Amino acid sequence: LLLSPQETLEFFENDLPQKLVLASDERPMLSQDQFHLISEWWYFGLLNLVKTKGFKPQIPWMAHRLGLSIIAVKEAWERLLRLGYLEQKGSKVSRRHPNLKTTDDLMDLSIRKSHLEDLKLIEHSLLDVPLDLRDNTSCTLVIDKKDLPKAKELLRIFQNQFLTQVGKESGEEVYKLTFAFYPLTHSKGEQ
């Protein structure tokens, strides 16, 4: 079936438990051009660091909290202000949009770059972050290709519910949730 994401959701809606049905998503959609500007993880890191308790709009403090260079944070901070993702009034800084999203199922090099950066962050987490401060899990399963749209939609529904139920307007730390769902086998007929 060649269905749009919305058509896929409507097609499978009756098969999903009510608690998993996707509520309308009114987060502003980033254009691909906008996403090119924030394809490095620290842009979203800064956008969320602003919401932490005890936040200080000082470049060295932000660089220390995110483990980045002062130059990288200064450049990202200035870009986020210039593009209007952040507003600064005196010493008070706020996000203009509580949450942002990118397009689904479109091939884009900046999105690929972002996912490759995620792999580096996951590796760092596995090697350097204590187990009580992280969770890494995986499962291997057998599926039919016809169920891929449903699987992707379920992951997006879970992500939205996770954001709603676990994400806070103000909290102590910034975390990242990353999904990867990929085949281990080659398609039949591929050599």
N, C-alpha and C. Protein backbone atom coordinates (compact mmCIF):
# COMPACT_ATOMS: atom_id res chain seq x y z
N LEU A 1 0.83 -1.19 0.00
CA LEU A 1 0.00 0.00 0.00
C LEU A 1 0.87 1.24 0.00
N LEU A 2 0.59 2.15 -0.88
CA LEU A 2 1.33 3.41 -0.93
C LEU A 2 0.48 4.49 -0.27
N LEU A 3 0.54 4.51 1.07
CA LEU A 3 -0.26 5.44 1.84
C LEU A 3 0.62 6.50 2.48
N SER A 4 0.07 7.70 2.63
CA SER A 4 0.77 8.74 3.37
C SER A 4 0.81 8.34 4.84
N PRO A 5 1.70 8.97 5.65
CA PRO A 5 1.71 8.64 7.09
C PRO A 5 0.34 8.82 7.73
N GLN A 6 -0.41 9.89 7.36
CA GLN A 6 -1.73 10.10 7.94
C GLN A 6 -2.70 9.02 7.49
N GLU A 7 -2.66 8.65 6.20
CA GLU A 7 -3.53 7.59 5.70
C GLU A 7 -3.20 6.26 6.37
N THR A 8 -1.91 6.00 6.60
CA THR A 8 -1.49 4.77 7.27
C THR A 8 -2.06 4.73 8.68
N LEU A 9 -1.97 5.85 9.39
CA LEU A 9 -2.51 5.91 10.75
C LEU A 9 -4.00 5.63 10.73
N GLU A 10 -4.73 6.26 9.81
CA GLU A 10 -6.17 6.04 9.72
C GLU A 10 -6.49 4.59 9.37
N PHE A 11 -5.70 3.99 8.48
CA PHE A 11 -5.90 2.60 8.08
C PHE A 11 -5.74 1.65 9.26
N PHE A 12 -4.69 1.87 10.08
CA PHE A 12 -4.41 0.98 11.19
C PHE A 12 -5.08 1.40 12.50
N GLU A 13 -5.75 2.54 12.51
CA GLU A 13 -6.28 3.09 13.76
C GLU A 13 -7.18 2.11 14.50
N ASN A 14 -8.01 1.38 13.78
CA ASN A 14 -8.93 0.45 14.43
C ASN A 14 -8.22 -0.75 15.03
N ASP A 15 -6.99 -1.05 14.60
CA ASP A 15 -6.23 -2.19 15.11
C ASP A 15 -5.38 -1.83 16.32
N LEU A 16 -5.30 -0.55 16.66
CA LEU A 16 -4.44 -0.11 17.76
C LEU A 16 -5.25 0.05 19.04
N PRO A 17 -4.69 -0.33 20.19
CA PRO A 17 -5.37 -0.03 21.45
C PRO A 17 -5.58 1.46 21.57
N GLN A 18 -6.70 1.87 22.16
CA GLN A 18 -7.04 3.28 22.24
C GLN A 18 -5.93 4.13 22.86
N LYS A 19 -5.22 3.58 23.86
CA LYS A 19 -4.18 4.37 24.52
C LYS A 19 -2.97 4.62 23.62
N LEU A 20 -2.88 3.90 22.48
CA LEU A 20 -1.76 4.10 21.57
C LEU A 20 -2.12 4.97 20.36
N VAL A 21 -3.39 5.37 20.23
CA VAL A 21 -3.79 6.16 19.08
C VAL A 21 -3.12 7.54 19.17
N LEU A 22 -2.54 7.98 18.07
CA LEU A 22 -1.81 9.23 18.00
C LEU A 22 -2.75 10.42 18.08
N ALA A 23 -2.52 11.27 19.07
CA ALA A 23 -3.28 12.50 19.18
C ALA A 23 -2.79 13.46 18.10
N SER A 24 -3.59 14.47 17.80
CA SER A 24 -3.14 15.42 16.78
C SER A 24 -1.82 16.05 17.23
N ASP A 25 -0.93 16.17 16.29
CA ASP A 25 0.42 16.66 16.58
C ASP A 25 0.54 18.07 16.04
N GLU A 26 0.55 19.05 16.93
CA GLU A 26 0.56 20.44 16.51
C GLU A 26 1.92 21.09 16.67
N ARG A 27 2.99 20.28 16.87
CA ARG A 27 4.33 20.87 16.96
C ARG A 27 4.68 21.46 15.60
N PRO A 28 5.36 22.59 15.56
CA PRO A 28 5.76 23.17 14.27
C PRO A 28 6.70 22.21 13.52
N MET A 29 6.50 22.08 12.21
CA MET A 29 7.33 21.22 11.38
C MET A 29 8.54 22.01 10.89
N LEU A 30 9.73 21.48 11.12
CA LEU A 30 10.94 22.11 10.62
C LEU A 30 11.04 21.86 9.12
N SER A 31 11.40 22.88 8.36
CA SER A 31 11.69 22.65 6.95
C SER A 31 13.04 21.97 6.86
N GLN A 32 13.33 21.37 5.72
CA GLN A 32 14.64 20.73 5.57
C GLN A 32 15.75 21.76 5.68
N ASP A 33 15.52 22.96 5.16
CA ASP A 33 16.54 24.01 5.29
C ASP A 33 16.80 24.35 6.76
N GLN A 34 15.74 24.47 7.54
CA GLN A 34 15.93 24.76 8.97
C GLN A 34 16.66 23.62 9.65
N PHE A 35 16.33 22.39 9.27
CA PHE A 35 16.96 21.26 9.94
C PHE A 35 18.45 21.19 9.62
N HIS A 36 18.84 21.64 8.42
CA HIS A 36 20.27 21.67 8.09
C HIS A 36 21.04 22.50 9.12
N LEU A 37 20.41 23.54 9.61
CA LEU A 37 21.07 24.43 10.56
C LEU A 37 21.20 23.82 11.95
N ILE A 38 20.39 22.83 12.26
CA ILE A 38 20.44 22.25 13.60
C ILE A 38 20.59 20.73 13.54
N SER A 39 21.36 20.25 12.58
CA SER A 39 21.54 18.80 12.45
C SER A 39 22.52 18.23 13.47
N GLU A 40 23.29 19.07 14.15
CA GLU A 40 24.16 18.58 15.22
C GLU A 40 23.35 18.50 16.50
N TRP A 41 23.61 17.48 17.30
CA TRP A 41 22.81 17.19 18.49
C TRP A 41 22.78 18.33 19.49
N TRP A 42 23.82 19.13 19.55
CA TRP A 42 23.89 20.14 20.60
C TRP A 42 22.88 21.28 20.43
N TYR A 43 22.33 21.46 19.23
CA TYR A 43 21.29 22.47 19.07
C TYR A 43 20.05 22.09 19.87
N PHE A 44 19.61 20.85 19.71
CA PHE A 44 18.46 20.39 20.50
C PHE A 44 18.86 20.28 21.98
N GLY A 45 20.13 19.95 22.24
CA GLY A 45 20.61 19.92 23.61
C GLY A 45 20.48 21.29 24.26
N LEU A 46 20.89 22.34 23.55
CA LEU A 46 20.77 23.71 24.08
C LEU A 46 19.31 24.12 24.25
N LEU A 47 18.48 23.78 23.27
CA LEU A 47 17.07 24.13 23.38
C LEU A 47 16.44 23.52 24.63
N ASN A 48 16.90 22.33 25.01
CA ASN A 48 16.36 21.68 26.20
C ASN A 48 17.08 22.09 27.47
N LEU A 49 18.36 22.42 27.37
CA LEU A 49 19.11 22.86 28.54
C LEU A 49 18.48 24.13 29.14
N VAL A 50 17.90 24.96 28.27
CA VAL A 50 17.23 26.18 28.70
C VAL A 50 16.13 25.86 29.72
N LYS A 51 15.52 24.68 29.62
CA LYS A 51 14.40 24.32 30.48
C LYS A 51 14.82 23.64 31.78
N THR A 52 16.14 23.47 32.00
CA THR A 52 16.58 22.80 33.23
C THR A 52 16.59 23.77 34.40
N LYS A 53 16.40 23.19 35.59
CA LYS A 53 16.44 23.99 36.83
C LYS A 53 17.86 24.52 37.02
N GLY A 54 17.97 25.77 37.39
CA GLY A 54 19.28 26.37 37.62
C GLY A 54 20.02 26.76 36.35
N PHE A 55 19.30 26.80 35.19
CA PHE A 55 19.93 27.17 33.92
C PHE A 55 20.58 28.54 34.02
N LYS A 56 21.78 28.65 33.43
CA LYS A 56 22.50 29.92 33.37
C LYS A 56 22.81 30.22 31.90
N PRO A 57 22.33 31.36 31.37
CA PRO A 57 22.61 31.70 29.98
C PRO A 57 24.02 32.22 29.78
N GLN A 58 24.99 31.43 30.22
CA GLN A 58 26.40 31.79 30.11
C GLN A 58 27.09 30.71 29.28
N ILE A 59 27.76 31.12 28.22
CA ILE A 59 28.38 30.19 27.28
C ILE A 59 29.28 29.17 27.99
N PRO A 60 30.20 29.58 28.87
CA PRO A 60 31.05 28.57 29.53
C PRO A 60 30.26 27.56 30.36
N TRP A 61 29.21 28.02 31.05
CA TRP A 61 28.38 27.12 31.86
C TRP A 61 27.68 26.11 30.96
N MET A 62 27.10 26.59 29.84
CA MET A 62 26.39 25.70 28.91
C MET A 62 27.37 24.71 28.28
N ALA A 63 28.56 25.17 27.92
CA ALA A 63 29.57 24.30 27.32
C ALA A 63 29.96 23.19 28.30
N HIS A 64 30.14 23.55 29.56
CA HIS A 64 30.48 22.55 30.58
C HIS A 64 29.36 21.53 30.75
N ARG A 65 28.11 21.99 30.83
CA ARG A 65 26.97 21.09 31.04
C ARG A 65 26.81 20.10 29.88
N LEU A 66 27.11 20.53 28.66
CA LEU A 66 26.95 19.66 27.49
C LEU A 66 28.26 18.98 27.07
N GLY A 67 29.35 19.31 27.74
CA GLY A 67 30.63 18.69 27.39
C GLY A 67 31.13 19.11 26.03
N LEU A 68 30.93 20.38 25.69
CA LEU A 68 31.30 20.90 24.38
C LEU A 68 32.30 22.04 24.51
N SER A 69 32.88 22.44 23.39
CA SER A 69 33.78 23.59 23.39
C SER A 69 32.96 24.87 23.49
N ILE A 70 33.59 25.89 24.01
CA ILE A 70 32.94 27.21 24.12
C ILE A 70 32.61 27.74 22.73
N ILE A 71 33.47 27.50 21.76
CA ILE A 71 33.24 27.98 20.39
C ILE A 71 31.98 27.35 19.80
N ALA A 72 31.83 26.02 19.95
CA ALA A 72 30.65 25.33 19.40
C ALA A 72 29.37 25.84 20.04
N VAL A 73 29.38 26.03 21.35
CA VAL A 73 28.19 26.50 22.05
C VAL A 73 27.87 27.94 21.67
N LYS A 74 28.88 28.77 21.59
CA LYS A 74 28.66 30.19 21.22
C LYS A 74 28.02 30.29 19.84
N GLU A 75 28.56 29.54 18.88
CA GLU A 75 28.02 29.55 17.52
C GLU A 75 26.57 29.06 17.50
N ALA A 76 26.30 27.95 18.18
CA ALA A 76 24.95 27.39 18.20
C ALA A 76 23.98 28.33 18.92
N TRP A 77 24.41 28.89 20.04
CA TRP A 77 23.57 29.80 20.82
C TRP A 77 23.17 31.01 19.98
N GLU A 78 24.15 31.60 19.31
CA GLU A 78 23.87 32.77 18.48
C GLU A 78 22.92 32.42 17.33
N ARG A 79 23.11 31.24 16.73
CA ARG A 79 22.24 30.83 15.63
C ARG A 79 20.80 30.61 16.12
N LEU A 80 20.65 29.96 17.27
CA LEU A 80 19.31 29.71 17.80
C LEU A 80 18.59 31.01 18.13
N LEU A 81 19.32 31.99 18.65
CA LEU A 81 18.73 33.31 18.91
C LEU A 81 18.38 34.02 17.60
N ARG A 82 19.31 34.01 16.65
CA ARG A 82 19.10 34.69 15.37
C ARG A 82 17.93 34.11 14.60
N LEU A 83 17.77 32.77 14.64
CA LEU A 83 16.68 32.12 13.92
C LEU A 83 15.35 32.21 14.65
N GLY A 84 15.38 32.68 15.90
CA GLY A 84 14.14 32.85 16.64
C GLY A 84 13.67 31.62 17.39
N TYR A 85 14.52 30.59 17.52
CA TYR A 85 14.13 29.42 18.31
C TYR A 85 14.21 29.72 19.80
N LEU A 86 15.06 30.70 20.16
CA LEU A 86 15.19 31.15 21.54
C LEU A 86 14.93 32.65 21.58
N GLU A 87 14.38 33.11 22.70
CA GLU A 87 14.20 34.54 22.93
C GLU A 87 14.92 34.89 24.22
N GLN A 88 15.66 35.99 24.20
CA GLN A 88 16.37 36.43 25.39
C GLN A 88 15.93 37.84 25.73
N LYS A 89 15.43 37.99 26.96
CA LYS A 89 15.05 39.30 27.48
C LYS A 89 15.81 39.49 28.78
N GLY A 90 16.87 40.29 28.72
CA GLY A 90 17.75 40.45 29.88
C GLY A 90 18.44 39.13 30.16
N SER A 91 18.32 38.64 31.39
CA SER A 91 18.94 37.36 31.73
C SER A 91 17.95 36.20 31.58
N LYS A 92 16.72 36.47 31.13
CA LYS A 92 15.70 35.43 30.96
C LYS A 92 15.72 34.93 29.52
N VAL A 93 15.83 33.59 29.37
CA VAL A 93 15.83 32.97 28.05
C VAL A 93 14.69 31.97 28.00
N SER A 94 13.96 31.95 26.88
CA SER A 94 12.88 30.97 26.72
C SER A 94 12.86 30.45 25.29
N ARG A 95 12.27 29.27 25.16
CA ARG A 95 12.07 28.67 23.84
C ARG A 95 10.81 29.24 23.23
N ARG A 96 10.83 29.47 21.95
CA ARG A 96 9.62 29.96 21.26
C ARG A 96 8.66 28.83 20.99
N HIS A 97 9.16 27.61 20.81
CA HIS A 97 8.31 26.44 20.56
C HIS A 97 8.71 25.36 21.56
N PRO A 98 7.74 24.80 22.30
CA PRO A 98 8.09 23.78 23.30
C PRO A 98 8.75 22.55 22.69
N ASN A 99 8.27 22.10 21.53
CA ASN A 99 8.83 20.92 20.86
C ASN A 99 8.86 21.15 19.37
N LEU A 100 9.83 20.55 18.71
CA LEU A 100 9.98 20.64 17.27
C LEU A 100 10.04 19.24 16.70
N LYS A 101 9.71 19.10 15.42
CA LYS A 101 9.83 17.79 14.78
C LYS A 101 10.36 17.97 13.37
N THR A 102 10.87 16.89 12.83
CA THR A 102 11.36 16.89 11.45
C THR A 102 10.39 16.04 10.62
N THR A 103 10.63 16.02 9.33
CA THR A 103 9.78 15.23 8.44
C THR A 103 10.02 13.74 8.66
N ASP A 104 9.04 12.92 8.34
CA ASP A 104 9.15 11.48 8.46
C ASP A 104 9.37 10.87 7.07
N ASP A 105 10.18 9.83 7.04
CA ASP A 105 10.36 9.01 5.84
C ASP A 105 10.83 9.78 4.61
N LEU A 106 11.59 10.85 4.80
CA LEU A 106 12.22 11.55 3.68
C LEU A 106 13.72 11.40 3.80
N MET A 107 14.39 11.09 2.69
CA MET A 107 15.84 10.96 2.69
C MET A 107 16.45 12.34 2.68
N ASP A 108 17.23 12.64 3.68
CA ASP A 108 17.87 13.94 3.79
C ASP A 108 19.23 13.73 4.44
N LEU A 109 20.27 14.31 3.87
CA LEU A 109 21.62 14.11 4.39
C LEU A 109 21.78 14.67 5.80
N SER A 110 21.10 15.78 6.13
CA SER A 110 21.25 16.33 7.47
C SER A 110 20.60 15.41 8.51
N ILE A 111 19.52 14.77 8.15
CA ILE A 111 18.88 13.82 9.07
C ILE A 111 19.79 12.60 9.24
N ARG A 112 20.38 12.13 8.15
CA ARG A 112 21.33 11.01 8.26
C ARG A 112 22.50 11.40 9.16
N LYS A 113 23.01 12.60 8.98
CA LYS A 113 24.12 13.07 9.81
C LYS A 113 23.72 13.08 11.28
N SER A 114 22.52 13.55 11.55
CA SER A 114 22.03 13.57 12.92
C SER A 114 21.97 12.16 13.51
N HIS A 115 21.49 11.20 12.73
CA HIS A 115 21.41 9.82 13.23
C HIS A 115 22.80 9.22 13.44
N LEU A 116 23.74 9.56 12.59
CA LEU A 116 25.11 9.09 12.79
C LEU A 116 25.70 9.69 14.07
N GLU A 117 25.39 10.96 14.35
CA GLU A 117 25.82 11.58 15.60
C GLU A 117 25.20 10.86 16.80
N ASP A 118 23.94 10.43 16.64
CA ASP A 118 23.28 9.68 17.72
C ASP A 118 24.07 8.42 18.06
N LEU A 119 24.59 7.73 17.05
CA LEU A 119 25.36 6.51 17.30
C LEU A 119 26.59 6.80 18.17
N LYS A 120 27.24 7.94 17.91
CA LYS A 120 28.39 8.32 18.72
C LYS A 120 27.97 8.61 20.16
N LEU A 121 26.82 9.28 20.31
CA LEU A 121 26.33 9.57 21.66
C LEU A 121 25.96 8.28 22.41
N ILE A 122 25.38 7.34 21.70
CA ILE A 122 25.02 6.05 22.32
C ILE A 122 26.29 5.33 22.76
N GLU A 123 27.31 5.32 21.91
CA GLU A 123 28.57 4.67 22.27
C GLU A 123 29.17 5.33 23.52
N HIS A 124 29.18 6.65 23.55
CA HIS A 124 29.69 7.37 24.72
C HIS A 124 28.89 6.98 25.97
N SER A 125 27.58 6.92 25.83
CA SER A 125 26.73 6.57 26.96
C SER A 125 27.05 5.17 27.48
N LEU A 126 27.19 4.22 26.56
CA LEU A 126 27.51 2.84 26.96
C LEU A 126 28.84 2.74 27.68
N LEU A 127 29.81 3.51 27.25
CA LEU A 127 31.15 3.41 27.81
C LEU A 127 31.37 4.27 29.05
N ASP A 128 30.67 5.41 29.15
CA ASP A 128 31.02 6.39 30.18
C ASP A 128 29.92 6.76 31.17
N VAL A 129 28.67 6.39 30.91
CA VAL A 129 27.58 6.80 31.78
C VAL A 129 27.14 5.62 32.64
N PRO A 130 27.05 5.80 33.95
CA PRO A 130 26.64 4.69 34.83
C PRO A 130 25.27 4.13 34.44
N LEU A 131 25.09 2.85 34.64
CA LEU A 131 23.86 2.15 34.25
C LEU A 131 22.61 2.75 34.89
N ASP A 132 22.72 3.25 36.11
CA ASP A 132 21.53 3.82 36.76
C ASP A 132 21.11 5.16 36.15
N LEU A 133 21.91 5.72 35.25
CA LEU A 133 21.57 6.98 34.59
C LEU A 133 21.20 6.82 33.11
N ARG A 134 21.11 5.60 32.64
CA ARG A 134 20.79 5.36 31.22
C ARG A 134 20.07 4.03 31.08
N ASP A 135 19.56 3.78 29.91
CA ASP A 135 18.96 2.48 29.59
C ASP A 135 19.22 2.20 28.12
N ASN A 136 19.76 1.05 27.84
CA ASN A 136 19.95 0.60 26.47
C ASN A 136 19.31 -0.78 26.38
N THR A 137 18.47 -0.96 25.40
CA THR A 137 17.78 -2.23 25.25
C THR A 137 17.57 -2.50 23.77
N SER A 138 17.40 -3.74 23.43
CA SER A 138 17.10 -4.10 22.04
C SER A 138 16.35 -5.42 22.02
N CYS A 139 15.73 -5.69 20.91
CA CYS A 139 15.09 -6.99 20.71
C CYS A 139 15.20 -7.31 19.22
N THR A 140 15.20 -8.58 18.94
CA THR A 140 15.26 -9.05 17.56
C THR A 140 13.98 -9.83 17.30
N LEU A 141 13.32 -9.57 16.18
CA LEU A 141 12.04 -10.19 15.89
C LEU A 141 11.90 -10.49 14.41
N VAL A 142 10.93 -11.29 14.08
CA VAL A 142 10.59 -11.61 12.70
C VAL A 142 9.32 -10.85 12.36
N ILE A 143 9.33 -10.15 11.22
CA ILE A 143 8.14 -9.42 10.79
C ILE A 143 7.94 -9.61 9.30
N ASP A 144 6.79 -9.21 8.81
CA ASP A 144 6.51 -9.16 7.38
C ASP A 144 6.66 -7.72 6.92
N LYS A 145 7.18 -7.52 5.70
CA LYS A 145 7.38 -6.17 5.17
C LYS A 145 6.08 -5.36 5.16
N LYS A 146 4.98 -6.03 4.97
CA LYS A 146 3.71 -5.31 4.92
C LYS A 146 3.38 -4.64 6.25
N ASP A 147 4.03 -5.09 7.34
CA ASP A 147 3.78 -4.51 8.65
C ASP A 147 4.74 -3.37 9.00
N LEU A 148 5.67 -3.02 8.10
CA LEU A 148 6.61 -1.94 8.37
C LEU A 148 5.92 -0.59 8.63
N PRO A 149 4.93 -0.20 7.83
CA PRO A 149 4.26 1.08 8.13
C PRO A 149 3.64 1.09 9.54
N LYS A 150 3.04 -0.01 9.92
CA LYS A 150 2.44 -0.10 11.25
C LYS A 150 3.52 -0.04 12.32
N ALA A 151 4.64 -0.72 12.12
CA ALA A 151 5.73 -0.70 13.09
C ALA A 151 6.27 0.71 13.27
N LYS A 152 6.49 1.42 12.16
CA LYS A 152 7.00 2.79 12.23
C LYS A 152 6.01 3.70 12.95
N GLU A 153 4.74 3.54 12.64
CA GLU A 153 3.74 4.38 13.28
C GLU A 153 3.67 4.10 14.78
N LEU A 154 3.77 2.85 15.19
CA LEU A 154 3.77 2.52 16.62
C LEU A 154 4.95 3.16 17.34
N LEU A 155 6.12 3.17 16.68
CA LEU A 155 7.29 3.83 17.29
C LEU A 155 7.04 5.33 17.46
N ARG A 156 6.43 5.96 16.46
CA ARG A 156 6.15 7.39 16.55
C ARG A 156 5.10 7.68 17.62
N ILE A 157 4.11 6.81 17.73
CA ILE A 157 3.10 6.98 18.77
C ILE A 157 3.76 6.86 20.14
N PHE A 158 4.61 5.85 20.31
CA PHE A 158 5.29 5.70 21.59
C PHE A 158 6.15 6.92 21.89
N GLN A 159 6.88 7.41 20.89
CA GLN A 159 7.73 8.58 21.09
C GLN A 159 6.91 9.77 21.56
N ASN A 160 5.77 10.01 20.93
CA ASN A 160 4.92 11.13 21.33
C ASN A 160 4.37 10.95 22.73
N GLN A 161 3.95 9.72 23.06
CA GLN A 161 3.45 9.46 24.42
C GLN A 161 4.56 9.60 25.45
N PHE A 162 5.74 9.13 25.12
CA PHE A 162 6.90 9.24 26.03
C PHE A 162 7.19 10.71 26.30
N LEU A 163 7.21 11.50 25.24
CA LEU A 163 7.47 12.94 25.37
C LEU A 163 6.42 13.59 26.26
N THR A 164 5.17 13.22 26.08
CA THR A 164 4.08 13.81 26.86
C THR A 164 4.12 13.37 28.32
N GLN A 165 4.40 12.09 28.56
CA GLN A 165 4.30 11.56 29.92
C GLN A 165 5.59 11.70 30.74
N VAL A 166 6.75 11.70 30.09
CA VAL A 166 8.02 11.74 30.81
C VAL A 166 8.70 13.10 30.69
N GLY A 167 8.56 13.75 29.54
CA GLY A 167 9.17 15.06 29.33
C GLY A 167 8.58 16.10 30.27
N LYS A 168 9.39 17.03 30.70
CA LYS A 168 8.97 18.06 31.67
C LYS A 168 9.19 19.45 31.08
N GLU A 169 8.42 20.40 31.56
CA GLU A 169 8.65 21.81 31.20
C GLU A 169 9.92 22.31 31.86
N SER A 170 10.24 21.77 33.02
CA SER A 170 11.45 22.13 33.73
C SER A 170 11.94 20.89 34.47
N GLY A 171 13.21 20.58 34.35
CA GLY A 171 13.75 19.39 35.00
C GLY A 171 15.22 19.57 35.30
N GLU A 172 15.85 18.46 35.71
CA GLU A 172 17.24 18.52 36.15
C GLU A 172 18.25 18.28 35.03
N GLU A 173 17.94 17.36 34.13
CA GLU A 173 18.90 16.93 33.12
C GLU A 173 18.25 16.90 31.73
N VAL A 174 19.08 16.85 30.70
CA VAL A 174 18.62 16.71 29.32
C VAL A 174 18.98 15.30 28.86
N TYR A 175 18.00 14.56 28.37
CA TYR A 175 18.19 13.20 27.87
C TYR A 175 17.77 13.13 26.41
N LYS A 176 18.24 12.11 25.72
CA LYS A 176 17.83 11.88 24.34
C LYS A 176 17.34 10.45 24.20
N LEU A 177 16.20 10.29 23.56
CA LEU A 177 15.64 8.97 23.25
C LEU A 177 15.86 8.73 21.77
N THR A 178 16.48 7.62 21.44
CA THR A 178 16.77 7.30 20.04
C THR A 178 16.24 5.92 19.71
N PHE A 179 15.54 5.80 18.59
CA PHE A 179 15.08 4.51 18.09
C PHE A 179 15.85 4.17 16.82
N ALA A 180 16.12 2.89 16.64
CA ALA A 180 16.65 2.40 15.37
C ALA A 180 15.94 1.08 15.10
N PHE A 181 15.27 0.99 13.99
CA PHE A 181 14.54 -0.22 13.61
C PHE A 181 15.00 -0.57 12.21
N TYR A 182 15.71 -1.68 12.06
CA TYR A 182 16.36 -1.98 10.79
C TYR A 182 16.42 -3.49 10.58
N PRO A 183 16.54 -3.92 9.31
CA PRO A 183 16.60 -5.35 9.02
C PRO A 183 17.99 -5.92 9.29
N LEU A 184 18.02 -7.14 9.76
CA LEU A 184 19.27 -7.89 9.89
C LEU A 184 19.48 -8.81 8.69
N THR A 185 18.38 -9.12 7.99
CA THR A 185 18.45 -9.99 6.82
C THR A 185 18.37 -9.16 5.56
N HIS A 186 18.92 -9.71 4.47
CA HIS A 186 18.80 -9.08 3.16
C HIS A 186 17.48 -9.57 2.55
N SER A 187 16.83 -8.71 1.80
CA SER A 187 15.56 -9.08 1.18
C SER A 187 15.77 -10.27 0.27
N LYS A 188 14.76 -11.11 0.20
CA LYS A 188 14.82 -12.27 -0.71
C LYS A 188 15.06 -11.76 -2.13
N GLY A 189 15.92 -12.43 -2.84
CA GLY A 189 16.24 -12.02 -4.20
C GLY A 189 17.47 -11.14 -4.28
N GLU A 190 17.86 -10.50 -3.15
CA GLU A 190 19.09 -9.71 -3.14
C GLU A 190 20.28 -10.64 -2.98
N GLN A 191 21.31 -10.42 -3.72
CA GLN A 191 22.50 -11.27 -3.62
C GLN A 191 23.66 -10.49 -3.11
